[in-house]
Amino acid sequence: MACVAVTWARPESTYTDKWDNINVDGILESNRLLKGYVDCLLGKGRCTPDGKALKETLPDALEHECVKCTGKQRSGADKVIRHLVNKRPDLWKELAVKYDPDNIYQARYKDKIDAVKGSA
């Protein structure tokens, strides 16, 4: 029984690390690439394989505070949030409407979002 309890208590495995080495800075610096990812997430455009994986993973990551994210994924998410909040609030708002229509996550992560405001 102890083994079962330990297994249940242990966090599930992490999301795939297949895309951990993606160039997040390159995507954020390119309006075309960033818009492509956002359009994918919003269902407005085609998705690359990594965009599709992000689209499938994002709701779970939001719901469970990225508990299955790798360190690189957390770091990349922080960088993307900082960029969108400070430099592309229009895209941030569109994504929030799609993925957080009831403002649940905006409220849950308010301190984190406020902390990145003004820090590019």
C-alpha atoms as a PDB file:
ATOM      1  CA  MET A   1       0.000   0.000   0.000  1.00  0.00           C
ATOM      2  CA  ALA A   2       2.839   2.398   0.758  1.00  0.00           C
ATOM      3  CA  CYS A   3       4.132   2.053  -2.821  1.00  0.00           C
ATOM      4  CA  VAL A   4       0.730   2.897  -4.215  1.00  0.00           C
ATOM      5  CA  ALA A   5       0.430   5.933  -1.944  1.00  0.00           C
ATOM      6  CA  VAL A   6       3.861   7.191  -2.989  1.00  0.00           C
ATOM      7  CA  THR A   7       3.015   6.711  -6.652  1.00  0.00           C
ATOM      8  CA  TRP A   8      -0.272   8.606  -6.289  1.00  0.00           C
ATOM      9  CA  ALA A   9       1.333  11.406  -4.305  1.00  0.00           C
ATOM     10  CA  ARG A  10       4.200  11.883  -6.759  1.00  0.00           C
ATOM     11  CA  PRO A  11       3.529  14.485  -9.462  1.00  0.00           C
ATOM     12  CA  GLU A  12       2.820  13.089 -12.881  1.00  0.00           C
ATOM     13  CA  SER A  13       5.656  13.081 -15.366  1.00  0.00           C
ATOM     14  CA  THR A  14       6.621  16.302 -17.082  1.00  0.00           C
ATOM     15  CA  TYR A  15       5.400  17.416 -20.456  1.00  0.00           C
ATOM     16  CA  THR A  16       7.616  16.318 -23.306  1.00  0.00           C
ATOM     17  CA  ASP A  17      10.925  18.116 -23.422  1.00  0.00           C
ATOM     18  CA  LYS A  18      11.062  17.696 -27.186  1.00  0.00           C
ATOM     19  CA  TRP A  19      10.729  21.454 -27.717  1.00  0.00           C
ATOM     20  CA  ASP A  20      12.705  22.681 -24.702  1.00  0.00           C
ATOM     21  CA  ASN A  21      15.421  24.105 -26.932  1.00  0.00           C
ATOM     22  CA  ILE A  22      13.117  26.176 -29.105  1.00  0.00           C
ATOM     23  CA  ASN A  23      14.392  29.727 -29.621  1.00  0.00           C
ATOM     24  CA  VAL A  24      11.791  31.650 -27.633  1.00  0.00           C
ATOM     25  CA  ASP A  25      13.662  34.933 -28.093  1.00  0.00           C
ATOM     26  CA  GLY A  26      13.650  34.459 -31.867  1.00  0.00           C
ATOM     27  CA  ILE A  27       9.907  33.889 -31.862  1.00  0.00           C
ATOM     28  CA  LEU A  28       9.236  36.914 -29.665  1.00  0.00           C
ATOM     29  CA  GLU A  29      11.439  39.133 -31.836  1.00  0.00           C
ATOM     30  CA  SER A  30       9.649  38.118 -35.030  1.00  0.00           C
ATOM     31  CA  ASN A  31       6.152  39.559 -35.431  1.00  0.00           C
ATOM     32  CA  ARG A  32       5.446  36.963 -38.125  1.00  0.00           C
ATOM     33  CA  LEU A  33       6.427  33.984 -35.951  1.00  0.00           C
ATOM     34  CA  LEU A  34       4.730  35.327 -32.833  1.00  0.00           C
ATOM     35  CA  LYS A  35       1.531  36.054 -34.755  1.00  0.00           C
ATOM     36  CA  GLY A  36       1.675  32.532 -36.199  1.00  0.00           C
ATOM     37  CA  TYR A  37       1.798  30.979 -32.739  1.00  0.00           C
ATOM     38  CA  VAL A  38      -0.952  33.232 -31.414  1.00  0.00           C
ATOM     39  CA  ASP A  39      -3.151  32.507 -34.439  1.00  0.00           C
ATOM     40  CA  CYS A  40      -2.591  28.789 -33.857  1.00  0.00           C
ATOM     41  CA  LEU A  41      -3.548  29.090 -30.182  1.00  0.00           C
ATOM     42  CA  LEU A  42      -6.638  31.094 -31.081  1.00  0.00           C
ATOM     43  CA  GLY A  43      -7.717  28.659 -33.786  1.00  0.00           C
ATOM     44  CA  LYS A  44      -7.267  31.322 -36.465  1.00  0.00           C
ATOM     45  CA  GLY A  45      -4.444  29.697 -38.370  1.00  0.00           C
ATOM     46  CA  ARG A  46      -2.412  26.598 -39.062  1.00  0.00           C
ATOM     47  CA  CYS A  47      -0.343  25.123 -36.285  1.00  0.00           C
ATOM     48  CA  THR A  48       3.227  23.929 -36.535  1.00  0.00           C
ATOM     49  CA  PRO A  49       3.922  20.700 -34.605  1.00  0.00           C
ATOM     50  CA  ASP A  50       5.254  22.693 -31.650  1.00  0.00           C
ATOM     51  CA  GLY A  51       2.329  25.122 -31.841  1.00  0.00           C
ATOM     52  CA  LYS A  52      -0.076  22.191 -31.805  1.00  0.00           C
ATOM     53  CA  ALA A  53       1.670  20.706 -28.761  1.00  0.00           C
ATOM     54  CA  LEU A  54       1.487  24.068 -26.990  1.00  0.00           C
ATOM     55  CA  LYS A  55      -2.202  24.400 -27.846  1.00  0.00           C
ATOM     56  CA  GLU A  56      -2.895  20.938 -26.418  1.00  0.00           C
ATOM     57  CA  THR A  57      -0.793  21.513 -23.288  1.00  0.00           C
ATOM     58  CA  LEU A  58      -1.708  25.093 -22.395  1.00  0.00           C
ATOM     59  CA  PRO A  59      -5.098  24.443 -20.732  1.00  0.00           C
ATOM     60  CA  ASP A  60      -3.611  21.770 -18.465  1.00  0.00           C
ATOM     61  CA  ALA A  61      -0.586  23.925 -17.629  1.00  0.00           C
ATOM     62  CA  LEU A  62      -2.842  26.847 -16.682  1.00  0.00           C
ATOM     63  CA  GLU A  63      -5.146  24.672 -14.617  1.00  0.00           C
ATOM     64  CA  HIS A  64      -2.353  22.944 -12.694  1.00  0.00           C
ATOM     65  CA  GLU A  65       0.113  25.832 -12.350  1.00  0.00           C
ATOM     66  CA  CYS A  66       2.582  24.300 -14.801  1.00  0.00           C
ATOM     67  CA  VAL A  67       3.392  21.496 -12.357  1.00  0.00           C
ATOM     68  CA  LYS A  68       4.379  19.212 -15.258  1.00  0.00           C
ATOM     69  CA  CYS A  69       6.501  21.868 -16.986  1.00  0.00           C
ATOM     70  CA  THR A  70      10.237  21.380 -17.229  1.00  0.00           C
ATOM     71  CA  GLY A  71      12.487  24.140 -15.926  1.00  0.00           C
ATOM     72  CA  LYS A  72      13.077  25.379 -19.471  1.00  0.00           C
ATOM     73  CA  GLN A  73       9.342  25.437 -20.135  1.00  0.00           C
ATOM     74  CA  ARG A  74       8.723  27.517 -16.996  1.00  0.00           C
ATOM     75  CA  SER A  75      11.504  29.901 -17.953  1.00  0.00           C
ATOM     76  CA  GLY A  76      10.169  30.196 -21.508  1.00  0.00           C
ATOM     77  CA  ALA A  77       6.610  30.747 -20.258  1.00  0.00           C
ATOM     78  CA  ASP A  78       7.813  33.530 -17.946  1.00  0.00           C
ATOM     79  CA  LYS A  79       9.639  35.173 -20.844  1.00  0.00           C
ATOM     80  CA  VAL A  80       6.602  34.942 -23.131  1.00  0.00           C
ATOM     81  CA  ILE A  81       4.259  36.323 -20.467  1.00  0.00           C
ATOM     82  CA  ARG A  82       6.634  39.220 -19.726  1.00  0.00           C
ATOM     83  CA  HIS A  83       6.853  40.008 -23.449  1.00  0.00           C
ATOM     84  CA  LEU A  84       3.121  39.811 -24.120  1.00  0.00           C
ATOM     85  CA  VAL A  85       2.087  41.773 -21.028  1.00  0.00           C
ATOM     86  CA  ASN A  86       4.584  44.572 -21.695  1.00  0.00           C
ATOM     87  CA  LYS A  87       5.000  44.689 -25.462  1.00  0.00           C
ATOM     88  CA  ARG A  88       1.950  43.005 -26.985  1.00  0.00           C
ATOM     89  CA  PRO A  89      -0.996  43.569 -24.639  1.00  0.00           C
ATOM     90  CA  ASP A  90      -3.306  43.212 -27.645  1.00  0.00           C
ATOM     91  CA  LEU A  91      -2.219  39.591 -28.107  1.00  0.00           C
ATOM     92  CA  TRP A  92      -2.241  38.987 -24.343  1.00  0.00           C
ATOM     93  CA  LYS A  93      -5.863  40.136 -24.229  1.00  0.00           C
ATOM     94  CA  GLU A  94      -6.894  37.908 -27.147  1.00  0.00           C
ATOM     95  CA  LEU A  95      -5.288  34.888 -25.505  1.00  0.00           C
ATOM     96  CA  ALA A  96      -6.884  35.743 -22.153  1.00  0.00           C
ATOM     97  CA  VAL A  97     -10.322  35.933 -23.753  1.00  0.00           C
ATOM     98  CA  LYS A  98      -9.807  32.486 -25.310  1.00  0.00           C
ATOM     99  CA  TYR A  99      -8.086  30.665 -22.447  1.00  0.00           C
ATOM    100  CA  ASP A 100      -9.441  32.559 -19.441  1.00  0.00           C
ATOM    101  CA  PRO A 101     -12.900  33.906 -20.302  1.00  0.00           C
ATOM    102  CA  ASP A 102     -13.976  33.883 -16.647  1.00  0.00           C
ATOM    103  CA  ASN A 103     -10.769  35.594 -15.459  1.00  0.00           C
ATOM    104  CA  ILE A 104      -9.913  32.650 -13.212  1.00  0.00           C
ATOM    105  CA  TYR A 105      -6.237  32.417 -14.155  1.00  0.00           C
ATOM    106  CA  GLN A 106      -5.755  36.187 -14.372  1.00  0.00           C
ATOM    107  CA  ALA A 107      -6.928  36.337 -10.755  1.00  0.00           C
ATOM    108  CA  ARG A 108      -4.937  33.273  -9.662  1.00  0.00           C
ATOM    109  CA  TYR A 109      -1.711  34.561 -11.212  1.00  0.00           C
ATOM    110  CA  LYS A 110      -2.348  38.273 -10.553  1.00  0.00           C
ATOM    111  CA  ASP A 111       0.763  38.718  -8.394  1.00  0.00           C
ATOM    112  CA  LYS A 112       2.958  37.060 -11.017  1.00  0.00           C
ATOM    113  CA  ILE A 113       1.455  39.103 -13.848  1.00  0.00           C
ATOM    114  CA  ASP A 114       1.777  42.333 -11.875  1.00  0.00           C
ATOM    115  CA  ALA A 115       5.394  41.445 -11.073  1.00  0.00           C
ATOM    116  CA  VAL A 116       6.347  41.294 -14.767  1.00  0.00           C
ATOM    117  CA  LYS A 117       4.579  44.510 -15.755  1.00  0.00           C
ATOM    118  CA  GLY A 118       7.159  47.058 -16.757  1.00  0.00           C
ATOM    119  CA  SER A 119       9.995  44.517 -16.858  1.00  0.00           C
ATOM    120  CA  ALA A 120      10.716  43.749 -20.477  1.00  0.00           C
END
